[in-house]
Amino acid sequence: MIKKFLAGIAACIFIVGIANAQDLPNYLGQTNTITTAVPFLLIAPDARSGAMGDAGVSSTPDASSMHWNPAKYAFIDSKAGFSASYSPWLRAIVSDINLAYVAGYYKLNDKSAIAGSLLYFTLGDITFTDIQGQTIGNYRPNEFSVDGTYSRKFSETWSGAVAARYIHSNLTQGVNVQGQATKPGQSIAADVAVYHQSELNWRNFEYAEFALGINISNIGQKISYSDATTETDFIPTNLRIGPRLTLDLDDYNRLSFMVDINKLLVPTPPVYAQDSLGNPVIVNGERMIEAGKDPNVSVVQGMIQSWYDAPGGFEEEMREFFFSVGTEYWYNKVFAVRGGFFYENKYKGNRKYFTLGAGLKYNVFGLDFSYLIPLEQQNPLENTLRFTLTFDFAEFE
């Protein structure tokens, strides 16, 4: 009876989605990318997950879990650890844009842990000019976030975490833009995450483990870069959910498979009405919306609205999910080989790429590398090697 009921609901959703898409065919054939402020918060900061197609919400816990799922820290084996990552950005064009990430954790006891991290993105040296082309000055725009979290086990198989984040985005260095004074954008945000990990009795494998992770990250206030305007931008609030399956083939060989499913919980840009000459239709001082919802809403309303506000209806909402698939092989817990694939719909950004990487762990130290191979378009990380250095302080004992 329950199965029939669920099947009926699924069928209704499918039929309604098709009907909705048939009513709105023109909106489904055009690019409608969701944009936010401080997009650097969504970049995979560490080489391990970067080698697995940017999958990490349910991967085995490590020092860089803050970005992917802070609830994993409660299940980490080591007492304390630290990681440092470096990712060149647009290396084929410039040499001074990069992303740096440091993270560390400490287990208070068997059930709880604390952790913190710093994510820093620099845009390199930029020469600012006015509308006449006269040099205003040389600046180095940058953005960073500082995080802290507390993670605790609810049971032997479940844990949860709450993280706090301070975000600072200084893109204009205080220079006047179009006659308006600018300032650094600032925001306070939070993450809410849960993690499940349990052993499976599966076939003839010596050990099998299933994991599931859920993380809603960057729940926070909008950002403004000027006091002279009331316009503010959403930060990239993101839902990440996915499972993992780990299999011990024998005493020396371990294989893991994982999937991350993501969706931005911010409003989708609407389609604005135009007259016969292509000019926007203005009603009461505001642009008239032809399809979709008004994006100028609160953060909470934006998170709710993000599930039903796409101009193309249900079908466009489904396009807004992007996926990561990763695999990881360990030999004797010393050497790892990784691979993955990232997919995003062509109308929502069209990011598609394969990733490769390797890892080496020896006593206290670990070193991970990753490499990205773009498929559909150029990627800022193509032809670059990212790396992460890890330290396991428990090994000193």
Foldseek 3Di string as FASTA:
>chain_A
DVVVVVVVVVVVLVVVLVVLLVVQVVQVPAFFADDFPPPVLQDLFAFVCQQQQVDDQWPQDDQPCVSRFVQNVLVDDFQKKKKKWKAAFLVVVDGAWIKIKIKMKGAPDNFKIKMKMKIKTKPGWDFDADPVRHTPDIDIWIKMKIKMKMKGAPDPFKIKMKMKMKIWGGGPVQDDDPNFTWAIKIKIFMKIKMKGKDWDPDDPFPTKMKMKIKMFTGLIFFIDTGPVDPDTTGDFGKIKIKMKMKTHNDQFKIKMKMKIKMAGQAATDFAFDADPVRHFDADPNDGHGPFFDDRPDGSVVSSVSLQAGRRSGPVVSVQRMKMKIKMWMGGNNFKIWIKIWIAHDPSHPGWTWIKIKMKGDDQFKIKIKMAIGTDPDDGRRHPHIMMMMMGRVSSVD
